[in-house]
Amino acid sequence: MGRLKLDLHDIYNKSKSIEDALNDVIEEALDKHITEVEIIPGKGSGQLKKRVLRFLDQKHIKDKIHRIEKDSKNFGRLFVFFKFK
């Protein structure tokens, strides 16, 4: 069991798209059987967090995920959990 962290603050203003970064971290978690990914879209206006949630809600992504938790103490943080057999 491990954990990955993706901080979107660093990517937000760079050319690499947010979708690419999200795809990469999900693929890495699946390849390495990592059960938890922490995604930090930040607080801001909430638009980036909505974008992340929309991305995670796509059928081909959603099928790979066990569950998503929003951090109750930190609005700008999400946890994505994977379950392996």
PDB file of N, CA and C in Angstrom:
ATOM      1  N   MET A   1       0.836  -1.186   0.000  1.00  0.00           N
ATOM      2  CA  MET A   1       0.000   0.000   0.000  1.00  0.00           C
ATOM      3  C   MET A   1       0.876   1.242   0.000  1.00  0.00           C
ATOM      4  N   GLY A   2       0.574   2.113  -0.904  1.00  0.00           N
ATOM      5  CA  GLY A   2       1.334   3.347  -0.968  1.00  0.00           C
ATOM      6  C   GLY A   2       0.407   4.516  -1.254  1.00  0.00           C
ATOM      7  N   ARG A   3       1.031   5.662  -1.411  1.00  0.00           N
ATOM      8  CA  ARG A   3       0.261   6.862  -1.673  1.00  0.00           C
ATOM      9  C   ARG A   3       1.017   7.745  -2.654  1.00  0.00           C
ATOM     10  N   LEU A   4       0.294   8.314  -3.593  1.00  0.00           N
ATOM     11  CA  LEU A   4       0.858   9.290  -4.514  1.00  0.00           C
ATOM     12  C   LEU A   4       0.211  10.638  -4.235  1.00  0.00           C
ATOM     13  N   LYS A   5       0.905  11.706  -4.612  1.00  0.00           N
ATOM     14  CA  LYS A   5       0.373  13.047  -4.403  1.00  0.00           C
ATOM     15  C   LYS A   5       0.529  13.835  -5.701  1.00  0.00           C
ATOM     16  N   LEU A   6      -0.530  14.507  -6.106  1.00  0.00           N
ATOM     17  CA  LEU A   6      -0.492  15.367  -7.289  1.00  0.00           C
ATOM     18  C   LEU A   6      -0.944  16.755  -6.867  1.00  0.00           C
ATOM     19  N   ASP A   7      -0.012  17.698  -6.903  1.00  0.00           N
ATOM     20  CA  ASP A   7      -0.328  19.082  -6.555  1.00  0.00           C
ATOM     21  C   ASP A   7      -0.520  19.871  -7.842  1.00  0.00           C
ATOM     22  N   LEU A   8      -1.751  20.248  -8.114  1.00  0.00           N
ATOM     23  CA  LEU A   8      -2.061  20.933  -9.368  1.00  0.00           C
ATOM     24  C   LEU A   8      -1.667  22.409  -9.359  1.00  0.00           C
ATOM     25  N   HIS A   9      -1.242  22.943  -8.218  1.00  0.00           N
ATOM     26  CA  HIS A   9      -0.753  24.324  -8.183  1.00  0.00           C
ATOM     27  C   HIS A   9       0.410  24.480  -9.157  1.00  0.00           C
ATOM     28  N   ASP A  10       1.283  23.466  -9.186  1.00  0.00           N
ATOM     29  CA  ASP A  10       2.495  23.518 -10.013  1.00  0.00           C
ATOM     30  C   ASP A  10       2.178  23.423 -11.497  1.00  0.00           C
ATOM     31  N   ILE A  11       1.104  22.751 -11.846  1.00  0.00           N
ATOM     32  CA  ILE A  11       0.780  22.456 -13.237  1.00  0.00           C
ATOM     33  C   ILE A  11      -0.122  23.523 -13.834  1.00  0.00           C
ATOM     34  N   TYR A  12      -0.923  24.131 -12.983  1.00  0.00           N
ATOM     35  CA  TYR A  12      -1.988  25.017 -13.438  1.00  0.00           C
ATOM     36  C   TYR A  12      -1.534  26.024 -14.499  1.00  0.00           C
ATOM     37  N   ASN A  13      -0.348  26.608 -14.335  1.00  0.00           N
ATOM     38  CA  ASN A  13       0.124  27.624 -15.281  1.00  0.00           C
ATOM     39  C   ASN A  13       1.119  27.085 -16.303  1.00  0.00           C
ATOM     40  N   LYS A  14       1.330  25.790 -16.326  1.00  0.00           N
ATOM     41  CA  LYS A  14       2.288  25.208 -17.268  1.00  0.00           C
ATOM     42  C   LYS A  14       1.563  24.617 -18.459  1.00  0.00           C
ATOM     43  N   SER A  15       2.331  24.285 -19.481  1.00  0.00           N
ATOM     44  CA  SER A  15       1.716  23.800 -20.721  1.00  0.00           C
ATOM     45  C   SER A  15       1.137  22.388 -20.579  1.00  0.00           C
ATOM     46  N   LYS A  16       1.685  21.587 -19.692  1.00  0.00           N
ATOM     47  CA  LYS A  16       1.157  20.230 -19.515  1.00  0.00           C
ATOM     48  C   LYS A  16      -0.273  20.339 -18.999  1.00  0.00           C
ATOM     49  N   SER A  17      -1.165  19.687 -19.670  1.00  0.00           N
ATOM     50  CA  SER A  17      -2.562  19.849 -19.269  1.00  0.00           C
ATOM     51  C   SER A  17      -2.864  19.118 -17.976  1.00  0.00           C
ATOM     52  N   ILE A  18      -3.867  19.618 -17.302  1.00  0.00           N
ATOM     53  CA  ILE A  18      -4.320  19.018 -16.054  1.00  0.00           C
ATOM     54  C   ILE A  18      -4.786  17.591 -16.308  1.00  0.00           C
ATOM     55  N   GLU A  19      -5.468  17.391 -17.437  1.00  0.00           N
ATOM     56  CA  GLU A  19      -5.943  16.044 -17.775  1.00  0.00           C
ATOM     57  C   GLU A  19      -4.769  15.080 -17.949  1.00  0.00           C
ATOM     58  N   ASP A  20      -3.699  15.535 -18.581  1.00  0.00           N
ATOM     59  CA  ASP A  20      -2.513  14.681 -18.744  1.00  0.00           C
ATOM     60  C   ASP A  20      -1.926  14.300 -17.389  1.00  0.00           C
ATOM     61  N   ALA A  21      -1.837  15.279 -16.505  1.00  0.00           N
ATOM     62  CA  ALA A  21      -1.276  15.021 -15.171  1.00  0.00           C
ATOM     63  C   ALA A  21      -2.158  14.041 -14.395  1.00  0.00           C
ATOM     64  N   LEU A  22      -3.480  14.223 -14.493  1.00  0.00           N
ATOM     65  CA  LEU A  22      -4.400  13.311 -13.804  1.00  0.00           C
ATOM     66  C   LEU A  22      -4.309  11.904 -14.383  1.00  0.00           C
ATOM     67  N   ASN A  23      -4.274  11.813 -15.714  1.00  0.00           N
ATOM     68  CA  ASN A  23      -4.114  10.503 -16.358  1.00  0.00           C
ATOM     69  C   ASN A  23      -2.836   9.823 -15.897  1.00  0.00           C
ATOM     70  N   ASP A  24      -1.743  10.592 -15.871  1.00  0.00           N
ATOM     71  CA  ASP A  24      -0.436  10.029 -15.490  1.00  0.00           C
ATOM     72  C   ASP A  24      -0.448   9.486 -14.063  1.00  0.00           C
ATOM     73  N   VAL A  25      -1.016  10.247 -13.134  1.00  0.00           N
ATOM     74  CA  VAL A  25      -0.988   9.812 -11.735  1.00  0.00           C
ATOM     75  C   VAL A  25      -1.900   8.594 -11.530  1.00  0.00           C
ATOM     76  N   ILE A  26      -3.013   8.544 -12.249  1.00  0.00           N
ATOM     77  CA  ILE A  26      -3.907   7.381 -12.143  1.00  0.00           C
ATOM     78  C   ILE A  26      -3.244   6.145 -12.740  1.00  0.00           C
ATOM     79  N   GLU A  27      -2.619   6.307 -13.902  1.00  0.00           N
ATOM     80  CA  GLU A  27      -1.913   5.171 -14.520  1.00  0.00           C
ATOM     81  C   GLU A  27      -0.781   4.675 -13.626  1.00  0.00           C
ATOM     82  N   GLU A  28      -0.039   5.615 -13.026  1.00  0.00           N
ATOM     83  CA  GLU A  28       1.058   5.220 -12.129  1.00  0.00           C
ATOM     84  C   GLU A  28       0.518   4.449 -10.925  1.00  0.00           C
ATOM     85  N   ALA A  29      -0.577   4.928 -10.354  1.00  0.00           N
ATOM     86  CA  ALA A  29      -1.184   4.243  -9.203  1.00  0.00           C
ATOM     87  C   ALA A  29      -1.610   2.831  -9.590  1.00  0.00           C
ATOM     88  N   LEU A  30      -2.229   2.693 -10.760  1.00  0.00           N
ATOM     89  CA  LEU A  30      -2.677   1.379 -11.204  1.00  0.00           C
ATOM     90  C   LEU A  30      -1.493   0.457 -11.487  1.00  0.00           C
ATOM     91  N   ASP A  31      -0.469   0.982 -12.164  1.00  0.00           N
ATOM     92  CA  ASP A  31       0.713   0.170 -12.497  1.00  0.00           C
ATOM     93  C   ASP A  31       1.441  -0.324 -11.250  1.00  0.00           C
ATOM     94  N   LYS A  32       1.538   0.543 -10.244  1.00  0.00           N
ATOM     95  CA  LYS A  32       2.316   0.214  -9.045  1.00  0.00           C
ATOM     96  C   LYS A  32       1.443  -0.297  -7.903  1.00  0.00           C
ATOM     97  N   HIS A  33       0.155  -0.511  -8.171  1.00  0.00           N
ATOM     98  CA  HIS A  33      -0.798  -0.970  -7.152  1.00  0.00           C
ATOM     99  C   HIS A  33      -0.800  -0.067  -5.928  1.00  0.00           C
ATOM    100  N   ILE A  34      -0.834   1.237  -6.181  1.00  0.00           N
ATOM    101  CA  ILE A  34      -0.898   2.223  -5.113  1.00  0.00           C
ATOM    102  C   ILE A  34      -2.374   2.461  -4.808  1.00  0.00           C
ATOM    103  N   THR A  35      -2.735   2.365  -3.549  1.00  0.00           N
ATOM    104  CA  THR A  35      -4.155   2.377  -3.184  1.00  0.00           C
ATOM    105  C   THR A  35      -4.745   3.765  -2.987  1.00  0.00           C
ATOM    106  N   GLU A  36      -3.898   4.775  -2.836  1.00  0.00           N
ATOM    107  CA  GLU A  36      -4.428   6.106  -2.535  1.00  0.00           C
ATOM    108  C   GLU A  36      -3.650   7.188  -3.277  1.00  0.00           C
ATOM    109  N   VAL A  37      -4.392   8.105  -3.897  1.00  0.00           N
ATOM    110  CA  VAL A  37      -3.788   9.266  -4.555  1.00  0.00           C
ATOM    111  C   VAL A  37      -4.419  10.513  -3.957  1.00  0.00           C
ATOM    112  N   GLU A  38      -3.562  11.397  -3.482  1.00  0.00           N
ATOM    113  CA  GLU A  38      -4.017  12.682  -2.957  1.00  0.00           C
ATOM    114  C   GLU A  38      -3.888  13.691  -4.090  1.00  0.00           C
ATOM    115  N   ILE A  39      -4.978  14.378  -4.404  1.00  0.00           N
ATOM    116  CA  ILE A  39      -4.963  15.393  -5.457  1.00  0.00           C
ATOM    117  C   ILE A  39      -5.265  16.735  -4.809  1.00  0.00           C
ATOM    118  N   ILE A  40      -4.412  17.711  -5.087  1.00  0.00           N
ATOM    119  CA  ILE A  40      -4.571  19.034  -4.490  1.00  0.00           C
ATOM    120  C   ILE A  40      -4.861  20.050  -5.592  1.00  0.00           C
ATOM    121  N   PRO A  41      -6.159  20.319  -5.826  1.00  0.00           N
ATOM    122  CA  PRO A  41      -6.486  21.356  -6.797  1.00  0.00           C
ATOM    123  C   PRO A  41      -6.377  22.752  -6.172  1.00  0.00           C
ATOM    124  N   GLY A  42      -6.314  22.822  -4.861  1.00  0.00           N
ATOM    125  CA  GLY A  42      -6.235  24.105  -4.173  1.00  0.00           C
ATOM    126  C   GLY A  42      -7.629  24.660  -3.913  1.00  0.00           C
ATOM    127  N   LYS A  43      -7.678  25.714  -3.136  1.00  0.00           N
ATOM    128  CA  LYS A  43      -8.983  26.268  -2.757  1.00  0.00           C
ATOM    129  C   LYS A  43      -9.517  27.183  -3.836  1.00  0.00           C
ATOM    130  N   GLY A  44      -8.871  28.263  -4.120  1.00  0.00           N
ATOM    131  CA  GLY A  44      -9.260  29.176  -5.198  1.00  0.00           C
ATOM    132  C   GLY A  44     -10.758  29.343  -5.366  1.00  0.00           C
ATOM    133  N   SER A  45     -11.199  29.421  -6.619  1.00  0.00           N
ATOM    134  CA  SER A  45     -12.623  29.620  -6.916  1.00  0.00           C
ATOM    135  C   SER A  45     -13.401  28.315  -6.904  1.00  0.00           C
ATOM    136  N   GLY A  46     -12.689  27.198  -6.862  1.00  0.00           N
ATOM    137  CA  GLY A  46     -13.344  25.899  -6.910  1.00  0.00           C
ATOM    138  C   GLY A  46     -13.468  25.344  -8.324  1.00  0.00           C
ATOM    139  N   GLN A  47     -13.089  26.141  -9.326  1.00  0.00           N
ATOM    140  CA  GLN A  47     -13.211  25.689 -10.713  1.00  0.00           C
ATOM    141  C   GLN A  47     -12.279  24.519 -11.019  1.00  0.00           C
ATOM    142  N   LEU A  48     -11.066  24.579 -10.504  1.00  0.00           N
ATOM    143  CA  LEU A  48     -10.101  23.510 -10.752  1.00  0.00           C
ATOM    144  C   LEU A  48     -10.574  22.207 -10.098  1.00  0.00           C
ATOM    145  N   LYS A  49     -11.121  22.308  -8.891  1.00  0.00           N
ATOM    146  CA  LYS A  49     -11.635  21.121  -8.208  1.00  0.00           C
ATOM    147  C   LYS A  49     -12.796  20.518  -9.003  1.00  0.00           C
ATOM    148  N   LYS A  50     -13.675  21.371  -9.526  1.00  0.00           N
ATOM    149  CA  LYS A  50     -14.789  20.880 -10.347  1.00  0.00           C
ATOM    150  C   LYS A  50     -14.262  20.175 -11.586  1.00  0.00           C
ATOM    151  N   ARG A  51     -13.221  20.737 -12.179  1.00  0.00           N
ATOM    152  CA  ARG A  51     -12.617  20.135 -13.373  1.00  0.00           C
ATOM    153  C   ARG A  51     -12.046  18.752 -13.046  1.00  0.00           C
ATOM    154  N   VAL A  52     -11.389  18.644 -11.908  1.00  0.00           N
ATOM    155  CA  VAL A  52     -10.832  17.354 -11.468  1.00  0.00           C
ATOM    156  C   VAL A  52     -11.959  16.345 -11.248  1.00  0.00           C
ATOM    157  N   LEU A  53     -13.029  16.772 -10.572  1.00  0.00           N
ATOM    158  CA  LEU A  53     -14.150  15.859 -10.309  1.00  0.00           C
ATOM    159  C   LEU A  53     -14.829  15.428 -11.603  1.00  0.00           C
ATOM    160  N   ARG A  54     -14.950  16.346 -12.568  1.00  0.00           N
ATOM    161  CA  ARG A  54     -15.527  15.987 -13.879  1.00  0.00           C
ATOM    162  C   ARG A  54     -14.643  14.964 -14.579  1.00  0.00           C
ATOM    163  N   PHE A  55     -13.333  15.160 -14.496  1.00  0.00           N
ATOM    164  CA  PHE A  55     -12.385  14.219 -15.088  1.00  0.00           C
ATOM    165  C   PHE A  55     -12.555  12.836 -14.462  1.00  0.00           C
ATOM    166  N   LEU A  56     -12.622  12.793 -13.140  1.00  0.00           N
ATOM    167  CA  LEU A  56     -12.732  11.518 -12.423  1.00  0.00           C
ATOM    168  C   LEU A  56     -14.079  10.846 -12.659  1.00  0.00           C
ATOM    169  N   ASP A  57     -15.070  11.615 -13.079  1.00  0.00           N
ATOM    170  CA  ASP A  57     -16.414  11.096 -13.293  1.00  0.00           C
ATOM    171  C   ASP A  57     -16.613  10.487 -14.689  1.00  0.00           C
ATOM    172  N   GLN A  58     -15.612  10.608 -15.561  1.00  0.00           N
ATOM    173  CA  GLN A  58     -15.723   9.995 -16.887  1.00  0.00           C
ATOM    174  C   GLN A  58     -15.753   8.472 -16.721  1.00  0.00           C
ATOM    175  N   LYS A  59     -16.591   7.820 -17.493  1.00  0.00           N
ATOM    176  CA  LYS A  59     -16.804   6.381 -17.311  1.00  0.00           C
ATOM    177  C   LYS A  59     -15.503   5.574 -17.335  1.00  0.00           C
ATOM    178  N   HIS A  60     -14.631   5.842 -18.312  1.00  0.00           N
ATOM    179  CA  HIS A  60     -13.395   5.045 -18.433  1.00  0.00           C
ATOM    180  C   HIS A  60     -12.439   5.270 -17.259  1.00  0.00           C
ATOM    181  N   ILE A  61     -12.575   6.379 -16.560  1.00  0.00           N
ATOM    182  CA  ILE A  61     -11.758   6.639 -15.372  1.00  0.00           C
ATOM    183  C   ILE A  61     -12.477   6.106 -14.132  1.00  0.00           C
ATOM    184  N   LYS A  62     -13.751   6.427 -14.029  1.00  0.00           N
ATOM    185  CA  LYS A  62     -14.582   6.039 -12.886  1.00  0.00           C
ATOM    186  C   LYS A  62     -14.538   4.530 -12.647  1.00  0.00           C
ATOM    187  N   ASP A  63     -14.488   3.760 -13.723  1.00  0.00           N
ATOM    188  CA  ASP A  63     -14.456   2.302 -13.624  1.00  0.00           C
ATOM    189  C   ASP A  63     -13.197   1.791 -12.916  1.00  0.00           C
ATOM    190  N   LYS A  64     -12.132   2.579 -12.922  1.00  0.00           N
ATOM    191  CA  LYS A  64     -10.860   2.154 -12.318  1.00  0.00           C
ATOM    192  C   LYS A  64     -10.766   2.515 -10.833  1.00  0.00           C
ATOM    193  N   ILE A  65     -11.649   3.427 -10.397  1.00  0.00           N
ATOM    194  CA  ILE A  65     -11.558   3.990  -9.055  1.00  0.00           C
ATOM    195  C   ILE A  65     -12.489   3.259  -8.092  1.00  0.00           C
ATOM    196  N   HIS A  66     -12.001   3.034  -6.879  1.00  0.00           N
ATOM    197  CA  HIS A  66     -12.831   2.424  -5.843  1.00  0.00           C
ATOM    198  C   HIS A  66     -13.750   3.481  -5.219  1.00  0.00           C
ATOM    199  N   ARG A  67     -13.164   4.593  -4.772  1.00  0.00           N
ATOM    200  CA  ARG A  67     -13.978   5.685  -4.231  1.00  0.00           C
ATOM    201  C   ARG A  67     -13.176   6.988  -4.193  1.00  0.00           C
ATOM    202  N   ILE A  68     -13.923   8.096  -4.061  1.00  0.00           N
ATOM    203  CA  ILE A  68     -13.318   9.430  -3.958  1.00  0.00           C
ATOM    204  C   ILE A  68     -13.805  10.035  -2.652  1.00  0.00           C
ATOM    205  N   GLU A  69     -12.881  10.635  -1.914  1.00  0.00           N
ATOM    206  CA  GLU A  69     -13.245  11.321  -0.673  1.00  0.00           C
ATOM    207  C   GLU A  69     -12.799  12.761  -0.762  1.00  0.00           C
ATOM    208  N   LYS A  70     -13.686  13.666  -0.343  1.00  0.00           N
ATOM    209  CA  LYS A  70     -13.311  15.068  -0.232  1.00  0.00           C
ATOM    210  C   LYS A  70     -12.825  15.263   1.195  1.00  0.00           C
ATOM    211  N   ASP A  71     -11.744  15.999   1.349  1.00  0.00           N
ATOM    212  CA  ASP A  71     -11.193  16.252   2.680  1.00  0.00           C
ATOM    213  C   ASP A  71     -12.118  17.227   3.413  1.00  0.00           C
ATOM    214  N   SER A  72     -12.688  16.797   4.525  1.00  0.00           N
ATOM    215  CA  SER A  72     -13.640  17.642   5.254  1.00  0.00           C
ATOM    216  C   SER A  72     -12.955  18.825   5.929  1.00  0.00           C
ATOM    217  N   LYS A  73     -11.653  18.710   6.180  1.00  0.00           N
ATOM    218  CA  LYS A  73     -10.933  19.787   6.858  1.00  0.00           C
ATOM    219  C   LYS A  73     -10.235  20.728   5.873  1.00  0.00           C
ATOM    220  N   ASN A  74     -10.070  20.269   4.619  1.00  0.00           N
ATOM    221  CA  ASN A  74      -9.348  21.072   3.635  1.00  0.00           C
ATOM    222  C   ASN A  74     -10.095  21.005   2.308  1.00  0.00           C
ATOM    223  N   PHE A  75     -10.819  22.052   1.977  1.00  0.00           N
ATOM    224  CA  PHE A  75     -11.635  22.113   0.765  1.00  0.00           C
ATOM    225  C   PHE A  75     -10.800  21.866  -0.501  1.00  0.00           C
ATOM    226  N   GLY A  76      -9.520  22.209  -0.464  1.00  0.00           N
ATOM    227  CA  GLY A  76      -8.675  22.123  -1.648  1.00  0.00           C
ATOM    228  C   GLY A  76      -7.966  20.796  -1.827  1.00  0.00           C
ATOM    229  N   ARG A  77      -8.532  19.722  -1.267  1.00  0.00           N
ATOM    230  CA  ARG A  77      -7.848  18.425  -1.340  1.00  0.00           C
ATOM    231  C   ARG A  77      -8.855  17.299  -1.528  1.00  0.00           C
ATOM    232  N   LEU A  78      -8.487  16.344  -2.392  1.00  0.00           N
ATOM    233  CA  LEU A  78      -9.306  15.158  -2.663  1.00  0.00           C
ATOM    234  C   LEU A  78      -8.432  13.921  -2.498  1.00  0.00           C
ATOM    235  N   PHE A  79      -9.071  12.823  -2.125  1.00  0.00           N
ATOM    236  CA  PHE A  79      -8.371  11.543  -2.072  1.00  0.00           C
ATOM    237  C   PHE A  79      -9.076  10.574  -3.015  1.00  0.00           C
ATOM    238  N   VAL A  80      -8.314   9.899  -3.839  1.00  0.00           N
ATOM    239  CA  VAL A  80      -8.857   8.899  -4.752  1.00  0.00           C
ATOM    240  C   VAL A  80      -8.293   7.556  -4.319  1.00  0.00           C
ATOM    241  N   PHE A  81      -9.192   6.598  -4.109  1.00  0.00           N
ATOM    242  CA  PHE A  81      -8.777   5.280  -3.616  1.00  0.00           C
ATOM    243  C   PHE A  81      -8.989   4.220  -4.707  1.00  0.00           C
ATOM    244  N   PHE A  82      -8.046   3.287  -4.752  1.00  0.00           N
ATOM    245  CA  PHE A  82      -8.107   2.164  -5.693  1.00  0.00           C
ATOM    246  C   PHE A  82      -8.107   0.882  -4.891  1.00  0.00           C
ATOM    247  N   LYS A  83      -8.767  -0.125  -5.405  1.00  0.00           N
ATOM    248  CA  LYS A  83      -8.785  -1.420  -4.731  1.00  0.00           C
ATOM    249  C   LYS A  83      -8.249  -2.454  -5.710  1.00  0.00           C
ATOM    250  N   PHE A  84      -7.339  -3.267  -5.261  1.00  0.00           N
ATOM    251  CA  PHE A  84      -6.747  -4.309  -6.102  1.00  0.00           C
ATOM    252  C   PHE A  84      -7.097  -5.663  -5.544  1.00  0.00           C
ATOM    253  N   LYS A  85      -7.291  -6.627  -6.448  1.00  0.00           N
ATOM    254  CA  LYS A  85      -7.665  -7.987  -6.024  1.00  0.00           C
ATOM    255  C   LYS A  85      -6.440  -8.813  -5.768  1.00  0.00           C
TER     256      LYS A  85
END
